[in-house]
């Protein structure tokens, strides 16, 4: 998502740079919204040595910055957070016996956790890793597909859609950060990207980076986006969507909490 906004409020001034020396200056930049900011070039200007003639030069640059969505406490921005917490507790998985992953053996691992079948297949010792007894496993889903326009709805549909997706992105980012702070196992999915479940500390910045890039998607492939998750009932899913209730696959309701962004 290219950004044309001015992010540097004023020029950066260096009174003097001696020959063969370098100077560094701290500057304040303002990023008006989430997304990718690309700096393709820098302009240099000087009146050295006498101040009568101003010389300029354009220098190519490859600076690229990803600005994450704003993160806020979820209980302050989402009034039904208590309901989400209750659903999560009732669907809590991982009582210390659920398999989380199979990974390479480490010296500190107990031999009784060795998975001999996986070890034979990979020709190297592999161990089974289990979830902690109190560890939440959550899969965040941001559905960016744009539903069919409602002729009875007032206002500019494009503007409403942009506001709705920004609301969804901000809430999803806040939820991801909440589960990072609570040391959950966290996964994420949106159109064109999926972050497999892993300890939230390992994936939080990948998720925020993807949320920085989310844009509304025309509903051409919307029918299969949620339907593809019907088989992942072992994970508690929080799904943020602009769709109407009657269009959600029935099989998702038992293992998911739906947040209807426009309601």
C-alpha atoms as a PDB file:
ATOM      1  CA  UNK A   1       0.000   0.000   0.000  1.00  0.00           C
ATOM      2  CA  UNK A   2       1.838   3.082  -1.210  1.00  0.00           C
ATOM      3  CA  UNK A   3       1.640   6.185   0.921  1.00  0.00           C
ATOM      4  CA  UNK A   4       1.928   9.745  -0.436  1.00  0.00           C
ATOM      5  CA  UNK A   5       1.540  11.585   2.871  1.00  0.00           C
ATOM      6  CA  UNK A   6       4.263  13.910   4.123  1.00  0.00           C
ATOM      7  CA  UNK A   7       5.992  12.137   7.020  1.00  0.00           C
ATOM      8  CA  UNK A   8       8.838  14.583   7.642  1.00  0.00           C
ATOM      9  CA  UNK A   9       7.575  17.854   9.093  1.00  0.00           C
ATOM     10  CA  UNK A  10      10.669  19.931   8.275  1.00  0.00           C
ATOM     11  CA  UNK A  11      14.042  19.605   6.527  1.00  0.00           C
ATOM     12  CA  UNK A  12      17.012  18.095   8.366  1.00  0.00           C
ATOM     13  CA  UNK A  13      19.811  20.652   8.782  1.00  0.00           C
ATOM     14  CA  UNK A  14      23.511  19.968   9.313  1.00  0.00           C
ATOM     15  CA  UNK A  15      25.519  23.148  10.035  1.00  0.00           C
ATOM     16  CA  UNK A  16      28.817  21.568   8.975  1.00  0.00           C
ATOM     17  CA  UNK A  17      30.124  18.175   7.926  1.00  0.00           C
ATOM     18  CA  UNK A  18      33.900  17.974   7.907  1.00  0.00           C
ATOM     19  CA  UNK A  19      35.709  16.207   5.067  1.00  0.00           C
ATOM     20  CA  UNK A  20      35.785  12.452   5.602  1.00  0.00           C
ATOM     21  CA  UNK A  21      33.390  12.687   8.564  1.00  0.00           C
ATOM     22  CA  UNK A  22      29.816  11.541   9.130  1.00  0.00           C
ATOM     23  CA  UNK A  23      26.981  13.178  11.069  1.00  0.00           C
ATOM     24  CA  UNK A  24      23.819  11.734  12.518  1.00  0.00           C
ATOM     25  CA  UNK A  25      20.636  13.546  13.457  1.00  0.00           C
ATOM     26  CA  UNK A  26      17.482  12.310  15.180  1.00  0.00           C
ATOM     27  CA  UNK A  27      14.318  13.464  13.436  1.00  0.00           C
ATOM     28  CA  UNK A  28      10.624  13.039  14.189  1.00  0.00           C
ATOM     29  CA  UNK A  29       8.414  11.484  11.546  1.00  0.00           C
ATOM     30  CA  UNK A  30       4.648  11.264  11.494  1.00  0.00           C
ATOM     31  CA  UNK A  31       2.867   8.316   9.893  1.00  0.00           C
ATOM     32  CA  UNK A  32      -0.825   9.168   9.461  1.00  0.00           C
ATOM     33  CA  UNK A  33      -2.006   5.581   9.048  1.00  0.00           C
ATOM     34  CA  UNK A  34      -0.911   1.956   8.848  1.00  0.00           C
ATOM     35  CA  UNK A  35       0.761   0.601   5.726  1.00  0.00           C
ATOM     36  CA  UNK A  36       4.045   0.596   3.831  1.00  0.00           C
ATOM     37  CA  UNK A  37       6.001   3.800   3.447  1.00  0.00           C
ATOM     38  CA  UNK A  38       8.626   3.711   0.706  1.00  0.00           C
ATOM     39  CA  UNK A  39      11.386   6.318   0.487  1.00  0.00           C
ATOM     40  CA  UNK A  40      12.656   6.148  -3.088  1.00  0.00           C
ATOM     41  CA  UNK A  41      15.008   9.135  -2.982  1.00  0.00           C
ATOM     42  CA  UNK A  42      16.488  11.857  -0.796  1.00  0.00           C
ATOM     43  CA  UNK A  43      17.240  15.448  -1.754  1.00  0.00           C
ATOM     44  CA  UNK A  44      20.498  17.111  -0.672  1.00  0.00           C
ATOM     45  CA  UNK A  45      20.934  20.884  -0.765  1.00  0.00           C
ATOM     46  CA  UNK A  46      23.970  23.016   0.153  1.00  0.00           C
ATOM     47  CA  UNK A  47      25.377  26.516  -0.299  1.00  0.00           C
ATOM     48  CA  UNK A  48      28.908  25.493   0.619  1.00  0.00           C
ATOM     49  CA  UNK A  49      31.438  27.092   0.506  1.00  0.00           C
ATOM     50  CA  UNK A  50      30.423  30.763   0.087  1.00  0.00           C
ATOM     51  CA  UNK A  51      26.626  30.720   0.256  1.00  0.00           C
ATOM     52  CA  UNK A  52      26.105  32.480  -3.076  1.00  0.00           C
ATOM     53  CA  UNK A  53      25.061  29.449  -5.102  1.00  0.00           C
ATOM     54  CA  UNK A  54      22.746  26.659  -3.966  1.00  0.00           C
ATOM     55  CA  UNK A  55      23.597  23.196  -5.224  1.00  0.00           C
ATOM     56  CA  UNK A  56      21.194  20.258  -5.077  1.00  0.00           C
ATOM     57  CA  UNK A  57      21.452  16.549  -5.707  1.00  0.00           C
ATOM     58  CA  UNK A  58      18.972  13.691  -5.661  1.00  0.00           C
ATOM     59  CA  UNK A  59      20.178  10.473  -4.035  1.00  0.00           C
ATOM     60  CA  UNK A  60      18.435   7.151  -4.610  1.00  0.00           C
ATOM     61  CA  UNK A  61      17.176   5.399  -1.500  1.00  0.00           C
ATOM     62  CA  UNK A  62      15.717   1.998  -0.667  1.00  0.00           C
ATOM     63  CA  UNK A  63      14.214   2.850   2.714  1.00  0.00           C
ATOM     64  CA  UNK A  64      11.028   0.947   3.464  1.00  0.00           C
ATOM     65  CA  UNK A  65       8.997   1.099   6.667  1.00  0.00           C
ATOM     66  CA  UNK A  66       5.956  -0.908   7.716  1.00  0.00           C
ATOM     67  CA  UNK A  67       3.660   0.937  10.099  1.00  0.00           C
ATOM     68  CA  UNK A  68       1.604  -1.395  12.294  1.00  0.00           C
ATOM     69  CA  UNK A  69      -2.061  -0.743  13.136  1.00  0.00           C
ATOM     70  CA  UNK A  70      -2.795   1.047  16.389  1.00  0.00           C
ATOM     71  CA  UNK A  71      -3.084  -1.292  19.393  1.00  0.00           C
ATOM     72  CA  UNK A  72      -5.414  -0.571  22.306  1.00  0.00           C
ATOM     73  CA  UNK A  73      -6.720  -2.530  25.327  1.00  0.00           C
ATOM     74  CA  UNK A  74      -9.469  -4.769  23.931  1.00  0.00           C
ATOM     75  CA  UNK A  75     -11.782  -4.257  26.895  1.00  0.00           C
ATOM     76  CA  UNK A  76     -11.819  -0.528  26.101  1.00  0.00           C
ATOM     77  CA  UNK A  77     -12.543  -0.735  22.373  1.00  0.00           C
ATOM     78  CA  UNK A  78     -14.801  -3.796  22.256  1.00  0.00           C
ATOM     79  CA  UNK A  79     -17.816  -3.733  24.528  1.00  0.00           C
ATOM     80  CA  UNK A  80     -18.506  -7.481  24.233  1.00  0.00           C
ATOM     81  CA  UNK A  81     -15.011  -8.553  25.268  1.00  0.00           C
ATOM     82  CA  UNK A  82     -16.384 -10.325  28.354  1.00  0.00           C
ATOM     83  CA  UNK A  83     -18.437 -12.565  26.040  1.00  0.00           C
ATOM     84  CA  UNK A  84     -15.340 -13.422  23.983  1.00  0.00           C
ATOM     85  CA  UNK A  85     -13.396 -14.276  27.149  1.00  0.00           C
ATOM     86  CA  UNK A  86     -16.218 -16.507  28.328  1.00  0.00           C
ATOM     87  CA  UNK A  87     -16.402 -18.352  25.023  1.00  0.00           C
ATOM     88  CA  UNK A  88     -12.644 -18.832  25.041  1.00  0.00           C
ATOM     89  CA  UNK A  89     -12.634 -20.255  28.551  1.00  0.00           C
ATOM     90  CA  UNK A  90     -15.453 -22.669  27.737  1.00  0.00           C
ATOM     91  CA  UNK A  91     -13.615 -23.891  24.641  1.00  0.00           C
ATOM     92  CA  UNK A  92     -10.215 -23.984  26.342  1.00  0.00           C
ATOM     93  CA  UNK A  93      -7.974 -26.652  24.896  1.00  0.00           C
ATOM     94  CA  UNK A  94      -4.626 -27.875  26.034  1.00  0.00           C
ATOM     95  CA  UNK A  95      -4.910 -29.525  29.442  1.00  0.00           C
ATOM     96  CA  UNK A  96      -1.316 -30.592  29.310  1.00  0.00           C
ATOM     97  CA  UNK A  97      -2.105 -33.600  27.127  1.00  0.00           C
ATOM     98  CA  UNK A  98      -2.778 -32.030  23.713  1.00  0.00           C
ATOM     99  CA  UNK A  99      -0.030 -32.378  21.119  1.00  0.00           C
ATOM    100  CA  UNK A 100       1.278 -28.959  20.085  1.00  0.00           C
ATOM    101  CA  UNK A 101       4.131 -29.850  17.724  1.00  0.00           C
ATOM    102  CA  UNK A 102       6.793 -32.381  16.783  1.00  0.00           C
ATOM    103  CA  UNK A 103      10.266 -30.874  16.742  1.00  0.00           C
ATOM    104  CA  UNK A 104      13.939 -31.850  16.751  1.00  0.00           C
ATOM    105  CA  UNK A 105      15.324 -33.421  19.936  1.00  0.00           C
ATOM    106  CA  UNK A 106      17.339 -31.205  22.295  1.00  0.00           C
ATOM    107  CA  UNK A 107      19.694 -32.305  25.063  1.00  0.00           C
ATOM    108  CA  UNK A 108      17.319 -31.062  27.746  1.00  0.00           C
ATOM    109  CA  UNK A 109      14.379 -33.159  26.452  1.00  0.00           C
ATOM    110  CA  UNK A 110      13.128 -36.272  28.206  1.00  0.00           C
ATOM    111  CA  UNK A 111      13.539 -39.513  26.290  1.00  0.00           C
ATOM    112  CA  UNK A 112       9.955 -40.464  27.111  1.00  0.00           C
ATOM    113  CA  UNK A 113       8.751 -37.683  24.774  1.00  0.00           C
ATOM    114  CA  UNK A 114      10.630 -39.049  21.775  1.00  0.00           C
ATOM    115  CA  UNK A 115       8.316 -39.799  18.843  1.00  0.00           C
ATOM    116  CA  UNK A 116       9.954 -42.918  17.412  1.00  0.00           C
ATOM    117  CA  UNK A 117       7.831 -43.048  14.282  1.00  0.00           C
ATOM    118  CA  UNK A 118       8.646 -39.434  13.345  1.00  0.00           C
ATOM    119  CA  UNK A 119      12.299 -40.046  14.254  1.00  0.00           C
ATOM    120  CA  UNK A 120      12.510 -43.010  11.913  1.00  0.00           C
ATOM    121  CA  UNK A 121      10.827 -41.088   9.120  1.00  0.00           C
ATOM    122  CA  UNK A 122      13.208 -38.120   9.384  1.00  0.00           C
ATOM    123  CA  UNK A 123      16.266 -40.192  10.360  1.00  0.00           C
ATOM    124  CA  UNK A 124      16.821 -37.922  13.395  1.00  0.00           C
ATOM    125  CA  UNK A 125      15.403 -37.847  16.907  1.00  0.00           C
ATOM    126  CA  UNK A 126      12.095 -36.016  17.142  1.00  0.00           C
ATOM    127  CA  UNK A 127      10.117 -35.219  20.298  1.00  0.00           C
ATOM    128  CA  UNK A 128       6.473 -34.496  20.972  1.00  0.00           C
ATOM    129  CA  UNK A 129       5.760 -31.083  22.483  1.00  0.00           C
ATOM    130  CA  UNK A 130       2.557 -30.560  24.440  1.00  0.00           C
ATOM    131  CA  UNK A 131       0.616 -27.436  25.277  1.00  0.00           C
ATOM    132  CA  UNK A 132       0.769 -26.037  28.780  1.00  0.00           C
ATOM    133  CA  UNK A 133      -2.200 -26.736  30.986  1.00  0.00           C
ATOM    134  CA  UNK A 134      -3.208 -23.071  31.142  1.00  0.00           C
ATOM    135  CA  UNK A 135      -2.239 -22.011  27.637  1.00  0.00           C
ATOM    136  CA  UNK A 136      -4.889 -20.638  25.320  1.00  0.00           C
ATOM    137  CA  UNK A 137      -4.877 -21.611  21.658  1.00  0.00           C
ATOM    138  CA  UNK A 138      -6.498 -18.967  19.492  1.00  0.00           C
ATOM    139  CA  UNK A 139      -6.810 -18.503  15.746  1.00  0.00           C
ATOM    140  CA  UNK A 140      -7.593 -14.943  14.629  1.00  0.00           C
ATOM    141  CA  UNK A 141      -9.338 -14.616  11.278  1.00  0.00           C
ATOM    142  CA  UNK A 142      -9.797 -11.299   9.490  1.00  0.00           C
ATOM    143  CA  UNK A 143     -12.246 -11.679   6.627  1.00  0.00           C
ATOM    144  CA  UNK A 144     -11.534  -8.731   4.290  1.00  0.00           C
ATOM    145  CA  UNK A 145     -14.057  -9.651   1.627  1.00  0.00           C
ATOM    146  CA  UNK A 146     -16.560  -6.979   0.712  1.00  0.00           C
ATOM    147  CA  UNK A 147     -20.193  -8.152   0.833  1.00  0.00           C
ATOM    148  CA  UNK A 148     -22.656  -7.213  -1.873  1.00  0.00           C
ATOM    149  CA  UNK A 149     -23.804  -3.618  -1.547  1.00  0.00           C
ATOM    150  CA  UNK A 150     -27.111  -3.065   0.195  1.00  0.00           C
ATOM    151  CA  UNK A 151     -29.214  -0.706  -1.981  1.00  0.00           C
ATOM    152  CA  UNK A 152     -31.079   0.506   1.110  1.00  0.00           C
ATOM    153  CA  UNK A 153     -27.894   1.543   2.915  1.00  0.00           C
ATOM    154  CA  UNK A 154     -27.211   5.264   3.018  1.00  0.00           C
ATOM    155  CA  UNK A 155     -23.930   6.967   2.187  1.00  0.00           C
ATOM    156  CA  UNK A 156     -20.928   6.106   0.050  1.00  0.00           C
ATOM    157  CA  UNK A 157     -20.432   2.293   0.053  1.00  0.00           C
ATOM    158  CA  UNK A 158     -16.693   2.610  -0.662  1.00  0.00           C
ATOM    159  CA  UNK A 159     -16.249   4.980   2.259  1.00  0.00           C
ATOM    160  CA  UNK A 160     -18.280   2.728   4.567  1.00  0.00           C
ATOM    161  CA  UNK A 161     -16.230  -0.260   3.458  1.00  0.00           C
ATOM    162  CA  UNK A 162     -12.960   1.541   4.183  1.00  0.00           C
ATOM    163  CA  UNK A 163     -14.165   2.541   7.654  1.00  0.00           C
ATOM    164  CA  UNK A 164     -15.330  -1.005   8.370  1.00  0.00           C
ATOM    165  CA  UNK A 165     -12.035  -2.609   7.358  1.00  0.00           C
ATOM    166  CA  UNK A 166     -10.053  -0.091   9.439  1.00  0.00           C
ATOM    167  CA  UNK A 167     -12.242  -0.893  12.444  1.00  0.00           C
ATOM    168  CA  UNK A 168     -11.695  -4.622  11.886  1.00  0.00           C
ATOM    169  CA  UNK A 169      -7.927  -4.257  11.449  1.00  0.00           C
ATOM    170  CA  UNK A 170      -7.563  -2.160  14.612  1.00  0.00           C
ATOM    171  CA  UNK A 171      -9.589  -4.617  16.678  1.00  0.00           C
ATOM    172  CA  UNK A 172      -7.744  -7.623  15.240  1.00  0.00           C
ATOM    173  CA  UNK A 173      -4.365  -6.038  16.014  1.00  0.00           C
ATOM    174  CA  UNK A 174      -5.498  -5.284  19.567  1.00  0.00           C
ATOM    175  CA  UNK A 175      -6.679  -8.871  20.020  1.00  0.00           C
ATOM    176  CA  UNK A 176      -3.375 -10.218  18.694  1.00  0.00           C
ATOM    177  CA  UNK A 177      -1.427  -8.028  21.123  1.00  0.00           C
ATOM    178  CA  UNK A 178      -3.671  -9.125  24.001  1.00  0.00           C
ATOM    179  CA  UNK A 179      -2.967 -12.790  23.309  1.00  0.00           C
ATOM    180  CA  UNK A 180       0.723 -12.001  22.962  1.00  0.00           C
ATOM    181  CA  UNK A 181       0.667 -10.460  26.452  1.00  0.00           C
ATOM    182  CA  UNK A 182      -1.132 -13.527  27.845  1.00  0.00           C
ATOM    183  CA  UNK A 183       1.401 -15.930  26.294  1.00  0.00           C
ATOM    184  CA  UNK A 184      -1.157 -17.731  24.127  1.00  0.00           C
ATOM    185  CA  UNK A 185      -0.598 -20.015  21.152  1.00  0.00           C
ATOM    186  CA  UNK A 186      -1.704 -17.779  18.304  1.00  0.00           C
ATOM    187  CA  UNK A 187      -2.463 -18.223  14.619  1.00  0.00           C
ATOM    188  CA  UNK A 188      -3.806 -15.803  12.033  1.00  0.00           C
ATOM    189  CA  UNK A 189      -5.449 -15.872   8.646  1.00  0.00           C
ATOM    190  CA  UNK A 190      -6.594 -13.314   6.117  1.00  0.00           C
ATOM    191  CA  UNK A 191      -6.942 -13.300   2.345  1.00  0.00           C
ATOM    192  CA  UNK A 192      -3.698 -14.515   0.782  1.00  0.00           C
ATOM    193  CA  UNK A 193      -1.845 -15.163   4.027  1.00  0.00           C
ATOM    194  CA  UNK A 194      -1.855 -17.571   6.957  1.00  0.00           C
ATOM    195  CA  UNK A 195       0.366 -17.609  10.038  1.00  0.00           C
ATOM    196  CA  UNK A 196       0.350 -21.148  11.517  1.00  0.00           C
ATOM    197  CA  UNK A 197      -0.333 -21.387  15.273  1.00  0.00           C
ATOM    198  CA  UNK A 198       2.779 -20.867  17.387  1.00  0.00           C
ATOM    199  CA  UNK A 199       3.684 -19.165  20.668  1.00  0.00           C
ATOM    200  CA  UNK A 200       2.443 -15.602  20.231  1.00  0.00           C
ATOM    201  CA  UNK A 201       5.873 -14.141  20.996  1.00  0.00           C
ATOM    202  CA  UNK A 202       7.182 -15.856  17.843  1.00  0.00           C
ATOM    203  CA  UNK A 203       4.470 -14.659  15.433  1.00  0.00           C
ATOM    204  CA  UNK A 204       3.095 -11.375  16.784  1.00  0.00           C
ATOM    205  CA  UNK A 205       5.145  -9.130  14.482  1.00  0.00           C
ATOM    206  CA  UNK A 206       4.399 -11.248  11.431  1.00  0.00           C
ATOM    207  CA  UNK A 207       0.696 -10.853  12.227  1.00  0.00           C
ATOM    208  CA  UNK A 208       0.975  -7.092  12.749  1.00  0.00           C
ATOM    209  CA  UNK A 209       2.926  -6.787   9.490  1.00  0.00           C
ATOM    210  CA  UNK A 210       0.170  -8.577   7.602  1.00  0.00           C
ATOM    211  CA  UNK A 211      -2.506  -6.446   9.267  1.00  0.00           C
ATOM    212  CA  UNK A 212      -0.622  -3.342   8.137  1.00  0.00           C
ATOM    213  CA  UNK A 213      -1.211  -4.443   4.526  1.00  0.00           C
ATOM    214  CA  UNK A 214      -4.852  -5.574   4.690  1.00  0.00           C
ATOM    215  CA  UNK A 215      -7.208  -3.947   2.180  1.00  0.00           C
ATOM    216  CA  UNK A 216     -10.838  -4.676   1.227  1.00  0.00           C
ATOM    217  CA  UNK A 217     -11.146  -7.516  -1.258  1.00  0.00           C
ATOM    218  CA  UNK A 218     -14.052  -7.843  -3.753  1.00  0.00           C
ATOM    219  CA  UNK A 219     -16.210 -10.816  -2.827  1.00  0.00           C
ATOM    220  CA  UNK A 220     -15.297 -12.988  -5.818  1.00  0.00           C
ATOM    221  CA  UNK A 221     -13.608 -15.707  -3.715  1.00  0.00           C
ATOM    222  CA  UNK A 222     -15.455 -14.950  -0.491  1.00  0.00           C
ATOM    223  CA  UNK A 223     -17.513 -18.156  -0.562  1.00  0.00           C
ATOM    224  CA  UNK A 224     -14.546 -20.424   0.122  1.00  0.00           C
ATOM    225  CA  UNK A 225     -12.593 -18.238   2.553  1.00  0.00           C
ATOM    226  CA  UNK A 226     -14.524 -19.203   5.695  1.00  0.00           C
ATOM    227  CA  UNK A 227     -15.593 -22.604   4.405  1.00  0.00           C
ATOM    228  CA  UNK A 228     -11.934 -23.662   4.177  1.00  0.00           C
ATOM    229  CA  UNK A 229     -11.672 -23.455   7.972  1.00  0.00           C
ATOM    230  CA  UNK A 230     -14.485 -25.870   8.766  1.00  0.00           C
ATOM    231  CA  UNK A 231     -12.004 -28.696   9.437  1.00  0.00           C
ATOM    232  CA  UNK A 232      -9.970 -26.728  12.018  1.00  0.00           C
ATOM    233  CA  UNK A 233     -12.451 -27.218  14.844  1.00  0.00           C
ATOM    234  CA  UNK A 234      -9.643 -28.039  17.316  1.00  0.00           C
ATOM    235  CA  UNK A 235      -8.749 -24.332  17.527  1.00  0.00           C
ATOM    236  CA  UNK A 236     -10.885 -21.597  19.018  1.00  0.00           C
ATOM    237  CA  UNK A 237     -11.359 -19.026  16.260  1.00  0.00           C
ATOM    238  CA  UNK A 238     -12.232 -15.356  16.566  1.00  0.00           C
ATOM    239  CA  UNK A 239     -13.549 -14.286  13.169  1.00  0.00           C
ATOM    240  CA  UNK A 240     -13.958 -10.635  12.228  1.00  0.00           C
ATOM    241  CA  UNK A 241     -16.182 -10.230   9.198  1.00  0.00           C
ATOM    242  CA  UNK A 242     -18.455  -7.814   7.353  1.00  0.00           C
ATOM    243  CA  UNK A 243     -20.805 -10.583   6.229  1.00  0.00           C
ATOM    244  CA  UNK A 244     -24.332 -11.069   7.435  1.00  0.00           C
ATOM    245  CA  UNK A 245     -25.109 -13.756  10.002  1.00  0.00           C
ATOM    246  CA  UNK A 246     -27.042 -15.947   7.586  1.00  0.00           C
ATOM    247  CA  UNK A 247     -24.034 -16.313   5.270  1.00  0.00           C
ATOM    248  CA  UNK A 248     -21.682 -17.895   7.833  1.00  0.00           C
ATOM    249  CA  UNK A 249     -21.108 -21.688   7.447  1.00  0.00           C
ATOM    250  CA  UNK A 250     -23.082 -23.391  10.214  1.00  0.00           C
ATOM    251  CA  UNK A 251     -20.192 -25.688  11.162  1.00  0.00           C
ATOM    252  CA  UNK A 252     -18.046 -22.735  12.267  1.00  0.00           C
ATOM    253  CA  UNK A 253     -20.352 -21.576  15.053  1.00  0.00           C
ATOM    254  CA  UNK A 254     -19.432 -24.371  17.476  1.00  0.00           C
ATOM    255  CA  UNK A 255     -15.724 -23.508  17.509  1.00  0.00           C
ATOM    256  CA  UNK A 256     -15.749 -19.804  16.696  1.00  0.00           C
ATOM    257  CA  UNK A 257     -16.755 -16.429  18.036  1.00  0.00           C
ATOM    258  CA  UNK A 258     -18.067 -14.132  15.307  1.00  0.00           C
ATOM    259  CA  UNK A 259     -17.490 -10.397  15.419  1.00  0.00           C
ATOM    260  CA  UNK A 260     -19.725  -8.697  12.877  1.00  0.00           C
ATOM    261  CA  UNK A 261     -17.844  -5.478  12.215  1.00  0.00           C
ATOM    262  CA  UNK A 262     -20.721  -3.504  10.743  1.00  0.00           C
ATOM    263  CA  UNK A 263     -23.295  -4.391  13.403  1.00  0.00           C
END
